[in-house]
C-alpha atoms as a PDB file:
ATOM      1  CA  MET A   1    -163.207 -15.804 107.670  1.00  0.00           C
ATOM      2  CA  THR A   2    -163.891 -14.909 104.013  1.00  0.00           C
ATOM      3  CA  PRO A   3    -162.446 -11.876 102.240  1.00  0.00           C
ATOM      4  CA  PHE A   4    -166.010 -10.559 101.979  1.00  0.00           C
ATOM      5  CA  ALA A   5    -166.804 -10.814 105.694  1.00  0.00           C
ATOM      6  CA  GLY A   6    -166.457  -7.056 106.170  1.00  0.00           C
ATOM      7  CA  LEU A   7    -169.095  -6.423 103.508  1.00  0.00           C
ATOM      8  CA  ARG A   8    -171.819  -8.149 105.487  1.00  0.00           C
ATOM      9  CA  SER A   9    -171.968  -5.297 107.914  1.00  0.00           C
ATOM     10  CA  LYS A  10    -172.427  -2.715 105.152  1.00  0.00           C
ATOM     11  CA  VAL A  11    -174.266  -4.566 102.409  1.00  0.00           C
ATOM     12  CA  ARG A  12    -176.506  -7.571 102.601  1.00  0.00           C
ATOM     13  CA  TRP A  13    -174.970 -10.666 101.050  1.00  0.00           C
ATOM     14  CA  SER A  14    -177.823 -11.070  98.549  1.00  0.00           C
ATOM     15  CA  GLU A  15    -177.381  -7.500  97.278  1.00  0.00           C
ATOM     16  CA  PHE A  16    -173.676  -8.140  96.871  1.00  0.00           C
ATOM     17  CA  MET A  17    -174.336 -11.304  94.865  1.00  0.00           C
ATOM     18  CA  VAL A  18    -176.870  -9.542  92.618  1.00  0.00           C
ATOM     19  CA  GLY A  19    -174.333  -6.794  91.944  1.00  0.00           C
ATOM     20  CA  LEU A  20    -171.643  -9.344  91.181  1.00  0.00           C
ATOM     21  CA  MET A  21    -173.932 -11.211  88.771  1.00  0.00           C
ATOM     22  CA  LEU A  22    -174.804  -7.947  86.980  1.00  0.00           C
ATOM     23  CA  LEU A  23    -171.136  -7.108  86.656  1.00  0.00           C
ATOM     24  CA  LEU A  24    -170.346 -10.525  85.192  1.00  0.00           C
ATOM     25  CA  SER A  25    -173.286 -10.243  82.773  1.00  0.00           C
ATOM     26  CA  CYS A  26    -172.054  -6.865  81.548  1.00  0.00           C
ATOM     27  CA  ALA A  27    -168.573  -8.289  81.008  1.00  0.00           C
ATOM     28  CA  ARG A  28    -170.022 -11.128  78.935  1.00  0.00           C
ATOM     29  CA  LEU A  29    -172.050  -8.678  76.840  1.00  0.00           C
ATOM     30  CA  LEU A  30    -168.985  -6.560  76.158  1.00  0.00           C
ATOM     31  CA  ARG A  31    -167.007  -9.623  75.076  1.00  0.00           C
ATOM     32  CA  ALA A  32    -169.882 -10.670  72.785  1.00  0.00           C
ATOM     33  CA  GLN A  33    -169.982  -7.220  71.175  1.00  0.00           C
ATOM     34  CA  GLU A  34    -166.223  -7.250  70.645  1.00  0.00           C
ATOM     35  CA  SER A  35    -166.474 -10.613  68.930  1.00  0.00           C
ATOM     36  CA  ILE A  36    -168.956  -9.335  66.322  1.00  0.00           C
ATOM     37  CA  SER A  37    -166.976  -9.419  63.143  1.00  0.00           C
ATOM     38  CA  VAL A  38    -168.308  -8.211  59.842  1.00  0.00           C
ATOM     39  CA  ASP A  39    -166.644  -8.905  56.526  1.00  0.00           C
ATOM     40  CA  TRP A  40    -166.940  -5.679  54.542  1.00  0.00           C
ATOM     41  CA  ARG A  41    -165.019  -6.920  51.518  1.00  0.00           C
ATOM     42  CA  PRO A  42    -167.983  -8.292  49.528  1.00  0.00           C
ATOM     43  CA  ALA A  43    -169.997  -5.077  49.940  1.00  0.00           C
ATOM     44  CA  GLN A  44    -167.016  -2.905  49.052  1.00  0.00           C
ATOM     45  CA  GLN A  45    -166.167  -5.069  46.037  1.00  0.00           C
ATOM     46  CA  LEU A  46    -169.739  -4.866  44.740  1.00  0.00           C
ATOM     47  CA  GLU A  47    -169.694  -1.105  45.179  1.00  0.00           C
ATOM     48  CA  THR A  48    -166.350  -0.820  43.371  1.00  0.00           C
ATOM     49  CA  GLU A  49    -167.756  -2.865  40.485  1.00  0.00           C
ATOM     50  CA  GLY A  50    -170.735  -0.515  40.228  1.00  0.00           C
ATOM     51  CA  ARG A  51    -173.164  -3.258  41.261  1.00  0.00           C
ATOM     52  CA  TRP A  52    -174.966  -0.815  43.515  1.00  0.00           C
ATOM     53  CA  ASN A  53    -178.170  -2.757  44.142  1.00  0.00           C
ATOM     54  CA  GLU A  54    -176.177  -5.758  45.296  1.00  0.00           C
ATOM     55  CA  ALA A  55    -173.844  -3.543  47.327  1.00  0.00           C
ATOM     56  CA  ALA A  56    -176.852  -1.933  49.018  1.00  0.00           C
ATOM     57  CA  GLU A  57    -178.157  -5.375  49.937  1.00  0.00           C
ATOM     58  CA  ALA A  58    -174.743  -6.349  51.318  1.00  0.00           C
ATOM     59  CA  TYR A  59    -174.653  -3.199  53.471  1.00  0.00           C
ATOM     60  CA  ARG A  60    -178.179  -3.982  54.685  1.00  0.00           C
ATOM     61  CA  GLN A  61    -176.942  -7.409  55.753  1.00  0.00           C
ATOM     62  CA  ILE A  62    -174.186  -5.701  57.729  1.00  0.00           C
ATOM     63  CA  LEU A  63    -176.851  -3.536  59.383  1.00  0.00           C
ATOM     64  CA  ALA A  64    -178.787  -6.674  60.283  1.00  0.00           C
ATOM     65  CA  ILE A  65    -175.731  -7.741  62.289  1.00  0.00           C
ATOM     66  CA  ASP A  66    -174.846  -4.261  63.579  1.00  0.00           C
ATOM     67  CA  PRO A  67    -177.856  -1.908  63.275  1.00  0.00           C
ATOM     68  CA  LYS A  68    -175.856   1.076  64.551  1.00  0.00           C
ATOM     69  CA  SER A  69    -172.982   0.762  62.107  1.00  0.00           C
ATOM     70  CA  ILE A  70    -172.290   4.335  61.095  1.00  0.00           C
ATOM     71  CA  ALA A  71    -170.020   3.132  58.297  1.00  0.00           C
ATOM     72  CA  ALA A  72    -172.729   0.925  56.741  1.00  0.00           C
ATOM     73  CA  LEU A  73    -175.340   3.666  57.093  1.00  0.00           C
ATOM     74  CA  ASN A  74    -172.974   6.141  55.420  1.00  0.00           C
ATOM     75  CA  ARG A  75    -172.175   3.744  52.578  1.00  0.00           C
ATOM     76  CA  LEU A  76    -175.884   3.151  51.950  1.00  0.00           C
ATOM     77  CA  GLY A  77    -176.504   6.893  51.985  1.00  0.00           C
ATOM     78  CA  ALA A  78    -173.697   7.425  49.496  1.00  0.00           C
ATOM     79  CA  LEU A  79    -175.019   4.710  47.176  1.00  0.00           C
ATOM     80  CA  TYR A  80    -178.404   6.387  46.994  1.00  0.00           C
ATOM     81  CA  VAL A  81    -177.035   9.920  46.656  1.00  0.00           C
ATOM     82  CA  ARG A  82    -174.751   8.722  43.847  1.00  0.00           C
ATOM     83  CA  ARG A  83    -177.899   7.577  42.018  1.00  0.00           C
ATOM     84  CA  ASN A  84    -179.601  10.923  42.711  1.00  0.00           C
ATOM     85  CA  GLN A  85    -182.034   9.279  45.130  1.00  0.00           C
ATOM     86  CA  PHE A  86    -181.495  12.012  47.657  1.00  0.00           C
ATOM     87  CA  ALA A  87    -184.433  11.331  49.966  1.00  0.00           C
ATOM     88  CA  GLU A  88    -183.313   7.743  50.526  1.00  0.00           C
ATOM     89  CA  GLY A  89    -179.666   8.732  50.927  1.00  0.00           C
ATOM     90  CA  LYS A  90    -180.465  11.460  53.445  1.00  0.00           C
ATOM     91  CA  LYS A  91    -182.574   8.979  55.395  1.00  0.00           C
ATOM     92  CA  PHE A  92    -179.507   6.796  56.010  1.00  0.00           C
ATOM     93  CA  TYR A  93    -177.330   9.787  56.901  1.00  0.00           C
ATOM     94  CA  ARG A  94    -179.910  10.980  59.423  1.00  0.00           C
ATOM     95  CA  GLU A  95    -180.132   7.499  60.881  1.00  0.00           C
ATOM     96  CA  ALA A  96    -176.345   7.527  61.347  1.00  0.00           C
ATOM     97  CA  LEU A  97    -176.568  10.943  62.996  1.00  0.00           C
ATOM     98  CA  GLN A  98    -179.008   9.508  65.530  1.00  0.00           C
ATOM     99  CA  VAL A  99    -176.207   7.153  66.573  1.00  0.00           C
ATOM    100  CA  ASP A 100    -173.497   9.855  66.600  1.00  0.00           C
ATOM    101  CA  PRO A 101    -174.734  13.429  65.986  1.00  0.00           C
ATOM    102  CA  GLN A 102    -171.174  14.808  65.934  1.00  0.00           C
ATOM    103  CA  ASN A 103    -169.791  12.389  63.342  1.00  0.00           C
ATOM    104  CA  PHE A 104    -167.670  14.338  60.874  1.00  0.00           C
ATOM    105  CA  GLY A 105    -168.179  12.065  57.855  1.00  0.00           C
ATOM    106  CA  THR A 106    -171.914  11.743  58.260  1.00  0.00           C
ATOM    107  CA  ASN A 107    -172.443  15.482  58.661  1.00  0.00           C
ATOM    108  CA  LEU A 108    -170.220  16.140  55.667  1.00  0.00           C
ATOM    109  CA  ASN A 109    -172.062  13.549  53.553  1.00  0.00           C
ATOM    110  CA  LEU A 110    -175.468  14.956  54.499  1.00  0.00           C
ATOM    111  CA  GLY A 111    -174.277  18.483  53.709  1.00  0.00           C
ATOM    112  CA  ILE A 112    -172.968  17.376  50.314  1.00  0.00           C
ATOM    113  CA  ALA A 113    -176.226  15.576  49.534  1.00  0.00           C
ATOM    114  CA  LEU A 114    -178.152  18.747  50.332  1.00  0.00           C
ATOM    115  CA  LEU A 115    -175.792  20.794  48.169  1.00  0.00           C
ATOM    116  CA  LYS A 116    -176.309  18.372  45.277  1.00  0.00           C
ATOM    117  CA  GLU A 117    -180.038  18.887  45.699  1.00  0.00           C
ATOM    118  CA  GLN A 118    -179.370  22.633  45.663  1.00  0.00           C
ATOM    119  CA  ASP A 119    -180.924  22.920  49.126  1.00  0.00           C
ATOM    120  CA  TYR A 120    -178.287  25.397  50.231  1.00  0.00           C
ATOM    121  CA  PRO A 121    -179.999  26.732  53.368  1.00  0.00           C
ATOM    122  CA  ARG A 122    -180.386  23.228  54.826  1.00  0.00           C
ATOM    123  CA  ALA A 123    -176.840  22.256  53.869  1.00  0.00           C
ATOM    124  CA  VAL A 124    -175.366  24.881  56.192  1.00  0.00           C
ATOM    125  CA  SER A 125    -176.131  23.137  59.494  1.00  0.00           C
ATOM    126  CA  PRO A 126    -174.598  19.707  58.782  1.00  0.00           C
ATOM    127  CA  LEU A 127    -171.584  21.326  57.127  1.00  0.00           C
ATOM    128  CA  GLN A 128    -171.076  23.535  60.180  1.00  0.00           C
ATOM    129  CA  GLN A 129    -171.352  20.435  62.374  1.00  0.00           C
ATOM    130  CA  ALA A 130    -168.701  18.728  60.246  1.00  0.00           C
ATOM    131  CA  VAL A 131    -166.341  21.689  60.676  1.00  0.00           C
ATOM    132  CA  LYS A 132    -167.066  21.780  64.394  1.00  0.00           C
ATOM    133  CA  ALA A 133    -166.297  18.050  64.672  1.00  0.00           C
ATOM    134  CA  GLN A 134    -162.864  18.644  63.135  1.00  0.00           C
ATOM    135  CA  THR A 135    -161.885  21.508  65.448  1.00  0.00           C
END
C-alpha cells in the first residue's frame, strides 16, 4: 500500500501527477528567479563619474535581465530628469509604477520630476501616493 492510496478514491491518479508536476515546475521557476544576480556596481560607478549615457546603457542591460526592476527603472528616470529630459524620465517612472503603483521612491521621483517641470497640478497625485506609502 502506497502513502497515496487514499487519494485514489478522491482524485484520479493522473490529476494528482499533473498537480505534482506543476508544483515542481513552480518551485524550479522560483529557484531560477532567486538565482538571477545583477551586478549594479558598473552602472553605479558610471553614474557617479557623470558618464550618464554609459550609465543609462548599463541600466538598460540590467533591465534586459530583469525587465521589472524598479530600481533600474528609477535610476534611468533619474538620469533623464537630471539632464532635463523630463518626458523620457517620467516614462521610466511610470513604467516602474506599473510594476508597483504604491512604491514610495517612484512616486516621489515622479512628483519631483513634475515639480521641476513646474507642472504643479500633476505633481500632487504622485506626491500624495508617496506620503500614503509611508503611512
